[in-house]
Amino acid sequence: MNLSPYDSADLPHFSLAGKTWEGWCQEREAIGVSARHDVWISFPDLNALCTAGGAACLSLNGEIVATVGAADGCSGVTVEASSDSFFIKHVWDLLRVNEQLLNCIPQTKLDGEVHELAVINGIVELGEGSQLLPGVYIEGNVVIGKNCKIGPNCYIRGNTTIGDNCHIGQSVEIKNTIIGNNTNVGHLGYVGDSILGHGVNFGAGTTTSNLRHDGQNHRSMIDGKLVDTGRRKFGTIVADGVHTGINTSIYPGRKLGKNVTTRPAEVIKEDI
């Protein structure tokens, strides 16, 4: 997972509402849209581009970012993108993508097992072999992959995507978060407005903070400079293979690099 200013050639490959970023880009190509790889195009903007008639292009902040029916550049109608389309500059921008995708889920689809004492209050996709154990409460739109074990007594809030082969343990709360494949969040933890990569293991009691006391936008360190994330609520970015010790606490906007480990009760105040 890239923790520096965004390199579009190095986009994370974890699941966004059941597909990788590459998968969503391929869907655009399948309907004849040629687009920059570092741009998210909202579904209404994509529809406007495809129905503009003949050759058309999409303009975002004065730049042509996508075309349909045009071999070179923009030789036809220009469609102006809305604020729901944007450049993917940093990893946390994928949270905005995930929010839009999950808000478009049409209906609940349960291919896994839901215990009679689990509650679903929203639209949920649950993959094959996955289990919602007793006391699980899901609120809002959530996608859970295959062969996952959720609970018991978990609170999962939208908009959250959980990949394949994950375990969300006893009394864990997850909110507005993207979780990669083969990742475990141990019991008695909280993860909010965050991105966790593949093969991550959060020890029991690991907690992410996601709100400043003054209510202002969070900032995150990029190349020695604090960058405004544009997010009032923002937790952490955790790369593949990270393991945290029990009761680790993570300050908002901090990033943990690939295969980093923390000690029990460690407080993460800076990027590692």
C-alpha atoms as a PDB file:
ATOM      1  CA  MET A   1       0.000   0.000   0.000  1.00  0.00           C
ATOM      2  CA  ASN A   2       1.419   3.372  -1.011  1.00  0.00           C
ATOM      3  CA  LEU A   3       1.838   5.820   1.857  1.00  0.00           C
ATOM      4  CA  SER A   4       3.424   8.652  -0.147  1.00  0.00           C
ATOM      5  CA  PRO A   5       1.692  11.091  -2.523  1.00  0.00           C
ATOM      6  CA  TYR A   6      -0.413   8.882  -4.710  1.00  0.00           C
ATOM      7  CA  ASP A   7       1.160   6.901  -7.518  1.00  0.00           C
ATOM      8  CA  SER A   8      -1.667   5.721  -9.752  1.00  0.00           C
ATOM      9  CA  ALA A   9       0.418   2.741 -10.897  1.00  0.00           C
ATOM     10  CA  ASP A  10       0.552   1.471  -7.310  1.00  0.00           C
ATOM     11  CA  LEU A  11      -3.129   1.529  -6.335  1.00  0.00           C
ATOM     12  CA  PRO A  12      -4.037  -0.870  -3.507  1.00  0.00           C
ATOM     13  CA  HIS A  13      -5.617  -4.137  -4.612  1.00  0.00           C
ATOM     14  CA  PHE A  14      -7.919  -4.749  -1.666  1.00  0.00           C
ATOM     15  CA  SER A  15     -11.671  -4.928  -2.146  1.00  0.00           C
ATOM     16  CA  LEU A  16     -13.896  -1.898  -2.677  1.00  0.00           C
ATOM     17  CA  ALA A  17     -17.483  -3.140  -2.365  1.00  0.00           C
ATOM     18  CA  GLY A  18     -16.434  -6.555  -3.633  1.00  0.00           C
ATOM     19  CA  LYS A  19     -14.112  -5.497  -6.484  1.00  0.00           C
ATOM     20  CA  THR A  20     -10.535  -4.298  -6.655  1.00  0.00           C
ATOM     21  CA  TRP A  21      -9.774  -0.807  -7.910  1.00  0.00           C
ATOM     22  CA  GLU A  22      -8.495  -2.461 -11.085  1.00  0.00           C
ATOM     23  CA  GLY A  23     -11.832  -4.252 -11.389  1.00  0.00           C
ATOM     24  CA  TRP A  24     -13.801  -1.011 -11.237  1.00  0.00           C
ATOM     25  CA  CYS A  25     -11.516   0.523 -13.886  1.00  0.00           C
ATOM     26  CA  GLN A  26     -12.096  -2.489 -16.114  1.00  0.00           C
ATOM     27  CA  GLU A  27     -15.855  -2.004 -15.771  1.00  0.00           C
ATOM     28  CA  ARG A  28     -15.482   1.502 -17.192  1.00  0.00           C
ATOM     29  CA  GLU A  29     -13.471   0.123 -20.102  1.00  0.00           C
ATOM     30  CA  ALA A  30     -16.110  -2.551 -20.743  1.00  0.00           C
ATOM     31  CA  ILE A  31     -18.708   0.132 -21.542  1.00  0.00           C
ATOM     32  CA  GLY A  32     -16.332   1.964 -23.875  1.00  0.00           C
ATOM     33  CA  VAL A  33     -14.990   4.631 -21.516  1.00  0.00           C
ATOM     34  CA  SER A  34     -11.289   5.449 -21.671  1.00  0.00           C
ATOM     35  CA  ALA A  35     -10.290   7.156 -18.416  1.00  0.00           C
ATOM     36  CA  ARG A  36      -7.286   8.093 -16.340  1.00  0.00           C
ATOM     37  CA  HIS A  37      -6.430   5.422 -13.800  1.00  0.00           C
ATOM     38  CA  ASP A  38      -6.071   7.951 -10.969  1.00  0.00           C
ATOM     39  CA  VAL A  39      -9.592   9.361 -11.243  1.00  0.00           C
ATOM     40  CA  TRP A  40     -12.835   8.226  -9.654  1.00  0.00           C
ATOM     41  CA  ILE A  41     -15.850   8.984 -11.860  1.00  0.00           C
ATOM     42  CA  SER A  42     -19.182   8.922 -10.058  1.00  0.00           C
ATOM     43  CA  PHE A  43     -21.914   6.791 -11.581  1.00  0.00           C
ATOM     44  CA  PRO A  44     -24.133   9.809 -12.494  1.00  0.00           C
ATOM     45  CA  ASP A  45     -21.155  11.470 -14.228  1.00  0.00           C
ATOM     46  CA  LEU A  46     -20.339   8.217 -16.019  1.00  0.00           C
ATOM     47  CA  ASN A  47     -23.947   7.996 -17.200  1.00  0.00           C
ATOM     48  CA  ALA A  48     -23.903  11.616 -18.371  1.00  0.00           C
ATOM     49  CA  LEU A  49     -20.724  10.968 -20.359  1.00  0.00           C
ATOM     50  CA  CYS A  50     -22.088   7.817 -22.003  1.00  0.00           C
ATOM     51  CA  THR A  51     -25.422   9.415 -22.931  1.00  0.00           C
ATOM     52  CA  ALA A  52     -24.039  12.724 -24.201  1.00  0.00           C
ATOM     53  CA  GLY A  53     -24.292  11.431 -27.763  1.00  0.00           C
ATOM     54  CA  GLY A  54     -21.471  10.548 -30.137  1.00  0.00           C
ATOM     55  CA  ALA A  55     -17.934  11.387 -29.098  1.00  0.00           C
ATOM     56  CA  ALA A  56     -17.759  13.002 -25.659  1.00  0.00           C
ATOM     57  CA  CYS A  57     -15.282  13.771 -22.932  1.00  0.00           C
ATOM     58  CA  LEU A  58     -15.415  14.425 -19.208  1.00  0.00           C
ATOM     59  CA  SER A  59     -13.723  17.495 -17.767  1.00  0.00           C
ATOM     60  CA  LEU A  60     -12.648  17.568 -14.116  1.00  0.00           C
ATOM     61  CA  ASN A  61     -11.149  20.776 -12.732  1.00  0.00           C
ATOM     62  CA  GLY A  62     -10.273  21.880 -16.254  1.00  0.00           C
ATOM     63  CA  GLU A  63      -8.603  18.592 -17.239  1.00  0.00           C
ATOM     64  CA  ILE A  64      -9.959  15.999 -19.659  1.00  0.00           C
ATOM     65  CA  VAL A  65     -10.026  12.791 -17.612  1.00  0.00           C
ATOM     66  CA  ALA A  66     -12.237  10.467 -19.659  1.00  0.00           C
ATOM     67  CA  THR A  67     -13.552  10.027 -23.194  1.00  0.00           C
ATOM     68  CA  VAL A  68     -16.116   7.896 -24.956  1.00  0.00           C
ATOM     69  CA  GLY A  69     -16.252   7.372 -28.707  1.00  0.00           C
ATOM     70  CA  ALA A  70     -13.206   9.591 -29.233  1.00  0.00           C
ATOM     71  CA  ALA A  71      -9.968   8.144 -30.588  1.00  0.00           C
ATOM     72  CA  ASP A  72      -7.777  11.097 -29.715  1.00  0.00           C
ATOM     73  CA  GLY A  73      -8.520  13.827 -27.190  1.00  0.00           C
ATOM     74  CA  CYS A  74     -11.937  15.476 -27.030  1.00  0.00           C
ATOM     75  CA  SER A  75     -13.501  16.002 -30.420  1.00  0.00           C
ATOM     76  CA  GLY A  76     -17.152  16.206 -29.331  1.00  0.00           C
ATOM     77  CA  VAL A  77     -19.359  17.188 -26.404  1.00  0.00           C
ATOM     78  CA  THR A  78     -17.659  18.132 -23.133  1.00  0.00           C
ATOM     79  CA  VAL A  79     -19.384  17.041 -19.935  1.00  0.00           C
ATOM     80  CA  GLU A  80     -18.411  18.846 -16.731  1.00  0.00           C
ATOM     81  CA  ALA A  81     -17.857  16.465 -13.810  1.00  0.00           C
ATOM     82  CA  SER A  82     -19.672  17.023 -10.530  1.00  0.00           C
ATOM     83  CA  SER A  83     -17.997  17.245  -7.139  1.00  0.00           C
ATOM     84  CA  ASP A  84     -18.681  13.517  -6.680  1.00  0.00           C
ATOM     85  CA  SER A  85     -15.895  12.769  -9.190  1.00  0.00           C
ATOM     86  CA  PHE A  86     -12.342  13.462  -8.069  1.00  0.00           C
ATOM     87  CA  PHE A  87      -8.658  12.706  -8.473  1.00  0.00           C
ATOM     88  CA  ILE A  88      -7.211   9.926  -6.318  1.00  0.00           C
ATOM     89  CA  LYS A  89      -4.243  11.766  -4.832  1.00  0.00           C
ATOM     90  CA  HIS A  90      -3.809   9.970  -1.509  1.00  0.00           C
ATOM     91  CA  VAL A  91      -4.807   6.618  -0.056  1.00  0.00           C
ATOM     92  CA  TRP A  92      -7.534   8.139   2.126  1.00  0.00           C
ATOM     93  CA  ASP A  93      -9.384   9.300  -1.014  1.00  0.00           C
ATOM     94  CA  LEU A  94     -10.462   5.667  -1.405  1.00  0.00           C
ATOM     95  CA  LEU A  95     -12.764   6.152   1.601  1.00  0.00           C
ATOM     96  CA  ARG A  96     -14.821   8.551  -0.549  1.00  0.00           C
ATOM     97  CA  VAL A  97     -14.910   5.978  -3.343  1.00  0.00           C
ATOM     98  CA  ASN A  98     -16.034   3.273  -0.930  1.00  0.00           C
ATOM     99  CA  GLU A  99     -18.802   5.491   0.471  1.00  0.00           C
ATOM    100  CA  GLN A 100     -20.228   6.101  -2.999  1.00  0.00           C
ATOM    101  CA  LEU A 101     -20.032   2.446  -4.000  1.00  0.00           C
ATOM    102  CA  LEU A 102     -21.789   1.192  -0.884  1.00  0.00           C
ATOM    103  CA  ASN A 103     -24.533   3.786  -1.235  1.00  0.00           C
ATOM    104  CA  CYS A 104     -25.338   2.183  -4.606  1.00  0.00           C
ATOM    105  CA  ILE A 105     -25.898  -1.367  -3.321  1.00  0.00           C
ATOM    106  CA  PRO A 106     -29.435  -2.184  -4.544  1.00  0.00           C
ATOM    107  CA  GLN A 107     -30.478  -4.854  -2.040  1.00  0.00           C
ATOM    108  CA  THR A 108     -29.351  -7.243   0.667  1.00  0.00           C
ATOM    109  CA  LYS A 109     -27.697 -10.458  -0.541  1.00  0.00           C
ATOM    110  CA  LEU A 110     -26.865 -13.068   2.080  1.00  0.00           C
ATOM    111  CA  ASP A 111     -24.843 -16.002   0.755  1.00  0.00           C
ATOM    112  CA  GLY A 112     -23.407 -16.758   4.206  1.00  0.00           C
ATOM    113  CA  GLU A 113     -24.903 -17.747   7.541  1.00  0.00           C
ATOM    114  CA  VAL A 114     -26.737 -15.237   9.750  1.00  0.00           C
ATOM    115  CA  HIS A 115     -27.472 -16.334  13.325  1.00  0.00           C
ATOM    116  CA  GLU A 116     -30.999 -15.694  14.532  1.00  0.00           C
ATOM    117  CA  LEU A 117     -29.625 -13.388  17.239  1.00  0.00           C
ATOM    118  CA  ALA A 118     -27.768 -11.204  14.713  1.00  0.00           C
ATOM    119  CA  VAL A 119     -29.483  -8.010  13.513  1.00  0.00           C
ATOM    120  CA  ILE A 120     -29.191  -6.361  10.102  1.00  0.00           C
ATOM    121  CA  ASN A 121     -30.493  -2.804   9.860  1.00  0.00           C
ATOM    122  CA  GLY A 122     -29.431  -1.726   6.395  1.00  0.00           C
ATOM    123  CA  ILE A 123     -28.321  -3.232   3.098  1.00  0.00           C
ATOM    124  CA  VAL A 124     -25.713  -5.977   3.444  1.00  0.00           C
ATOM    125  CA  GLU A 125     -23.867  -8.300   1.093  1.00  0.00           C
ATOM    126  CA  LEU A 126     -22.468 -11.373   2.893  1.00  0.00           C
ATOM    127  CA  GLY A 127     -20.187 -13.745   0.988  1.00  0.00           C
ATOM    128  CA  GLU A 128     -20.204 -17.515   0.841  1.00  0.00           C
ATOM    129  CA  GLY A 129     -18.908 -19.283   3.935  1.00  0.00           C
ATOM    130  CA  SER A 130     -19.118 -16.159   6.089  1.00  0.00           C
ATOM    131  CA  GLN A 131     -20.857 -16.114   9.473  1.00  0.00           C
ATOM    132  CA  LEU A 132     -22.596 -13.423  11.493  1.00  0.00           C
ATOM    133  CA  LEU A 133     -22.508 -14.747  15.061  1.00  0.00           C
ATOM    134  CA  PRO A 134     -24.939 -13.956  17.920  1.00  0.00           C
ATOM    135  CA  GLY A 135     -25.114 -10.321  18.995  1.00  0.00           C
ATOM    136  CA  VAL A 136     -23.765  -8.892  15.745  1.00  0.00           C
ATOM    137  CA  TYR A 137     -25.514  -5.632  14.819  1.00  0.00           C
ATOM    138  CA  ILE A 138     -25.007  -4.189  11.345  1.00  0.00           C
ATOM    139  CA  GLU A 139     -26.224  -0.663  10.636  1.00  0.00           C
ATOM    140  CA  GLY A 140     -26.054   0.930   7.203  1.00  0.00           C
ATOM    141  CA  ASN A 141     -24.588  -0.424   3.985  1.00  0.00           C
ATOM    142  CA  VAL A 142     -21.895  -3.074   4.448  1.00  0.00           C
ATOM    143  CA  VAL A 143     -20.148  -5.598   2.182  1.00  0.00           C
ATOM    144  CA  ILE A 144     -18.471  -8.644   3.755  1.00  0.00           C
ATOM    145  CA  GLY A 145     -16.451 -11.072   1.629  1.00  0.00           C
ATOM    146  CA  LYS A 146     -16.129 -14.845   1.684  1.00  0.00           C
ATOM    147  CA  ASN A 147     -15.201 -17.075   4.639  1.00  0.00           C
ATOM    148  CA  CYS A 148     -15.340 -14.333   7.261  1.00  0.00           C
ATOM    149  CA  LYS A 149     -16.266 -14.715  10.908  1.00  0.00           C
ATOM    150  CA  ILE A 150     -17.952 -11.667  12.444  1.00  0.00           C
ATOM    151  CA  GLY A 151     -18.647 -11.570  16.173  1.00  0.00           C
ATOM    152  CA  PRO A 152     -20.017 -12.376  18.536  1.00  0.00           C
ATOM    153  CA  ASN A 153     -21.364  -9.023  19.757  1.00  0.00           C
ATOM    154  CA  CYS A 154     -19.864  -6.822  17.015  1.00  0.00           C
ATOM    155  CA  TYR A 155     -21.177  -3.461  15.844  1.00  0.00           C
ATOM    156  CA  ILE A 156     -20.496  -2.866  12.132  1.00  0.00           C
ATOM    157  CA  ARG A 157     -21.513   0.526  10.744  1.00  0.00           C
ATOM    158  CA  GLY A 158     -21.678   1.766   7.177  1.00  0.00           C
ATOM    159  CA  ASN A 159     -20.020   2.382   4.966  1.00  0.00           C
ATOM    160  CA  THR A 160     -17.732  -0.584   5.588  1.00  0.00           C
ATOM    161  CA  THR A 161     -16.142  -3.105   3.227  1.00  0.00           C
ATOM    162  CA  ILE A 162     -14.547  -6.241   4.687  1.00  0.00           C
ATOM    163  CA  GLY A 163     -12.516  -8.509   2.379  1.00  0.00           C
ATOM    164  CA  ASP A 164     -12.254 -12.318   2.277  1.00  0.00           C
ATOM    165  CA  ASN A 165     -11.054 -14.600   5.093  1.00  0.00           C
ATOM    166  CA  CYS A 166     -11.336 -11.942   7.812  1.00  0.00           C
ATOM    167  CA  HIS A 167     -12.127 -12.266  11.501  1.00  0.00           C
ATOM    168  CA  ILE A 168     -13.752  -9.411  13.411  1.00  0.00           C
ATOM    169  CA  GLY A 169     -13.688 -10.506  17.029  1.00  0.00           C
ATOM    170  CA  GLN A 170     -15.767 -10.224  20.174  1.00  0.00           C
ATOM    171  CA  SER A 171     -17.196  -6.749  20.918  1.00  0.00           C
ATOM    172  CA  VAL A 172     -15.392  -4.949  18.087  1.00  0.00           C
ATOM    173  CA  GLU A 173     -16.840  -1.808  16.490  1.00  0.00           C
ATOM    174  CA  ILE A 174     -16.035  -1.037  12.846  1.00  0.00           C
ATOM    175  CA  LYS A 175     -17.231   2.164  11.192  1.00  0.00           C
ATOM    176  CA  ASN A 176     -16.789   3.548   7.663  1.00  0.00           C
ATOM    177  CA  THR A 177     -13.694   1.458   7.027  1.00  0.00           C
ATOM    178  CA  ILE A 178     -12.055  -0.596   4.264  1.00  0.00           C
ATOM    179  CA  ILE A 179     -10.512  -3.880   5.451  1.00  0.00           C
ATOM    180  CA  GLY A 180      -8.349  -6.056   3.189  1.00  0.00           C
ATOM    181  CA  ASN A 181      -8.251  -9.841   2.846  1.00  0.00           C
ATOM    182  CA  ASN A 182      -6.960 -12.170   5.599  1.00  0.00           C
ATOM    183  CA  THR A 183      -7.128  -9.419   8.209  1.00  0.00           C
ATOM    184  CA  ASN A 184      -8.097  -9.891  11.855  1.00  0.00           C
ATOM    185  CA  VAL A 185      -9.359  -7.256  14.274  1.00  0.00           C
ATOM    186  CA  GLY A 186      -9.082  -8.729  17.767  1.00  0.00           C
ATOM    187  CA  HIS A 187     -11.720  -8.397  20.454  1.00  0.00           C
ATOM    188  CA  LEU A 188     -12.590  -5.162  22.288  1.00  0.00           C
ATOM    189  CA  GLY A 189     -11.274  -2.847  19.562  1.00  0.00           C
ATOM    190  CA  TYR A 190     -12.519   0.151  17.593  1.00  0.00           C
ATOM    191  CA  VAL A 191     -11.634   1.001  13.989  1.00  0.00           C
ATOM    192  CA  GLY A 192     -13.228   4.066  12.417  1.00  0.00           C
ATOM    193  CA  ASP A 193     -12.781   5.923   9.103  1.00  0.00           C
ATOM    194  CA  SER A 194      -9.683   3.877   8.350  1.00  0.00           C
ATOM    195  CA  ILE A 195      -8.070   1.635   5.736  1.00  0.00           C
ATOM    196  CA  LEU A 196      -6.473  -1.684   6.719  1.00  0.00           C
ATOM    197  CA  GLY A 197      -4.512  -3.694   4.138  1.00  0.00           C
ATOM    198  CA  HIS A 198      -4.121  -7.434   3.646  1.00  0.00           C
ATOM    199  CA  GLY A 199      -2.866  -9.757   6.368  1.00  0.00           C
ATOM    200  CA  VAL A 200      -3.193  -7.223   9.191  1.00  0.00           C
ATOM    201  CA  ASN A 201      -3.657  -8.380  12.777  1.00  0.00           C
ATOM    202  CA  PHE A 202      -4.969  -5.903  15.348  1.00  0.00           C
ATOM    203  CA  GLY A 203      -4.304  -7.167  18.856  1.00  0.00           C
ATOM    204  CA  ALA A 204      -7.081  -7.071  21.446  1.00  0.00           C
ATOM    205  CA  GLY A 205      -8.071  -3.560  22.476  1.00  0.00           C
ATOM    206  CA  THR A 206      -6.393  -1.811  19.540  1.00  0.00           C
ATOM    207  CA  THR A 207      -8.186   1.520  19.079  1.00  0.00           C
ATOM    208  CA  THR A 208      -8.085   4.149  16.359  1.00  0.00           C
ATOM    209  CA  SER A 209      -8.930   7.761  17.144  1.00  0.00           C
ATOM    210  CA  ASN A 210     -10.756   9.581  14.361  1.00  0.00           C
ATOM    211  CA  LEU A 211     -11.914  12.986  15.672  1.00  0.00           C
ATOM    212  CA  ARG A 212      -9.945  16.081  16.664  1.00  0.00           C
ATOM    213  CA  HIS A 213     -10.998  17.876  19.858  1.00  0.00           C
ATOM    214  CA  ASP A 214     -11.454  21.111  17.878  1.00  0.00           C
ATOM    215  CA  GLY A 215     -13.549  19.420  15.180  1.00  0.00           C
ATOM    216  CA  GLN A 216     -11.274  20.609  12.367  1.00  0.00           C
ATOM    217  CA  ASN A 217     -10.138  18.516   9.385  1.00  0.00           C
ATOM    218  CA  HIS A 218      -7.413  15.992  10.035  1.00  0.00           C
ATOM    219  CA  ARG A 219      -3.992  16.462   8.524  1.00  0.00           C
ATOM    220  CA  SER A 220      -1.543  13.713   7.618  1.00  0.00           C
ATOM    221  CA  MET A 221       2.203  13.850   7.039  1.00  0.00           C
ATOM    222  CA  ILE A 222       3.318  13.449   3.412  1.00  0.00           C
ATOM    223  CA  ASP A 223       6.983  14.004   2.498  1.00  0.00           C
ATOM    224  CA  GLY A 224       7.594  15.993   5.660  1.00  0.00           C
ATOM    225  CA  LYS A 225       4.577  18.266   5.247  1.00  0.00           C
ATOM    226  CA  LEU A 226       1.158  18.127   6.878  1.00  0.00           C
ATOM    227  CA  VAL A 227      -1.541  17.693   4.229  1.00  0.00           C
ATOM    228  CA  ASP A 228      -5.214  18.511   4.813  1.00  0.00           C
ATOM    229  CA  THR A 229      -7.120  15.265   4.238  1.00  0.00           C
ATOM    230  CA  GLY A 230     -10.415  17.104   3.795  1.00  0.00           C
ATOM    231  CA  ARG A 231     -11.900  14.750   6.361  1.00  0.00           C
ATOM    232  CA  ARG A 232     -13.354  15.799   9.696  1.00  0.00           C
ATOM    233  CA  LYS A 233     -13.292  12.141  10.743  1.00  0.00           C
ATOM    234  CA  PHE A 234     -10.240  10.128   9.785  1.00  0.00           C
ATOM    235  CA  GLY A 235      -8.538   7.259  11.563  1.00  0.00           C
ATOM    236  CA  THR A 236      -5.484   5.472  10.250  1.00  0.00           C
ATOM    237  CA  ILE A 237      -3.928   3.966   7.117  1.00  0.00           C
ATOM    238  CA  VAL A 238      -2.407   0.549   7.812  1.00  0.00           C
ATOM    239  CA  ALA A 239      -0.354  -1.261   5.167  1.00  0.00           C
ATOM    240  CA  ASP A 240      -0.179  -5.017   4.552  1.00  0.00           C
ATOM    241  CA  GLY A 241       1.188  -7.336   7.231  1.00  0.00           C
ATOM    242  CA  VAL A 242       0.971  -4.938  10.197  1.00  0.00           C
ATOM    243  CA  HIS A 243       0.620  -6.504  13.667  1.00  0.00           C
ATOM    244  CA  THR A 244      -0.330  -4.414  16.694  1.00  0.00           C
ATOM    245  CA  GLY A 245       0.187  -5.360  20.317  1.00  0.00           C
ATOM    246  CA  ILE A 246      -2.757  -5.439  22.687  1.00  0.00           C
ATOM    247  CA  ASN A 247      -4.223  -2.071  23.687  1.00  0.00           C
ATOM    248  CA  THR A 248      -2.365  -0.147  20.993  1.00  0.00           C
ATOM    249  CA  SER A 249      -3.814   3.360  20.521  1.00  0.00           C
ATOM    250  CA  ILE A 250      -3.408   5.163  17.197  1.00  0.00           C
ATOM    251  CA  TYR A 251      -3.659   8.954  16.820  1.00  0.00           C
ATOM    252  CA  PRO A 252      -5.830  10.228  13.942  1.00  0.00           C
ATOM    253  CA  GLY A 253      -4.210  10.485  10.512  1.00  0.00           C
ATOM    254  CA  ARG A 254      -1.207   8.303  11.366  1.00  0.00           C
ATOM    255  CA  LYS A 255       0.069   5.658   8.963  1.00  0.00           C
ATOM    256  CA  LEU A 256       1.711   2.314   9.665  1.00  0.00           C
ATOM    257  CA  GLY A 257       3.956   0.950   6.911  1.00  0.00           C
ATOM    258  CA  LYS A 258       4.228  -2.578   5.611  1.00  0.00           C
ATOM    259  CA  ASN A 259       4.931  -5.284   8.230  1.00  0.00           C
ATOM    260  CA  VAL A 260       5.224  -2.785  11.096  1.00  0.00           C
ATOM    261  CA  THR A 261       4.661  -4.134  14.619  1.00  0.00           C
ATOM    262  CA  THR A 262       3.750  -2.301  17.816  1.00  0.00           C
ATOM    263  CA  ARG A 263       4.292  -3.170  21.470  1.00  0.00           C
ATOM    264  CA  PRO A 264       1.462  -3.757  23.971  1.00  0.00           C
ATOM    265  CA  ALA A 265      -0.130  -0.474  25.139  1.00  0.00           C
ATOM    266  CA  GLU A 266       1.929   1.546  22.636  1.00  0.00           C
ATOM    267  CA  VAL A 267       0.566   4.951  21.632  1.00  0.00           C
ATOM    268  CA  ILE A 268       1.177   5.774  17.952  1.00  0.00           C
ATOM    269  CA  LYS A 269       1.718   9.537  17.739  1.00  0.00           C
ATOM    270  CA  GLU A 270       3.756   9.607  14.505  1.00  0.00           C
ATOM    271  CA  ASP A 271       3.849   7.633  11.250  1.00  0.00           C
ATOM    272  CA  ILE A 272       5.878   4.427  11.445  1.00  0.00           C
END
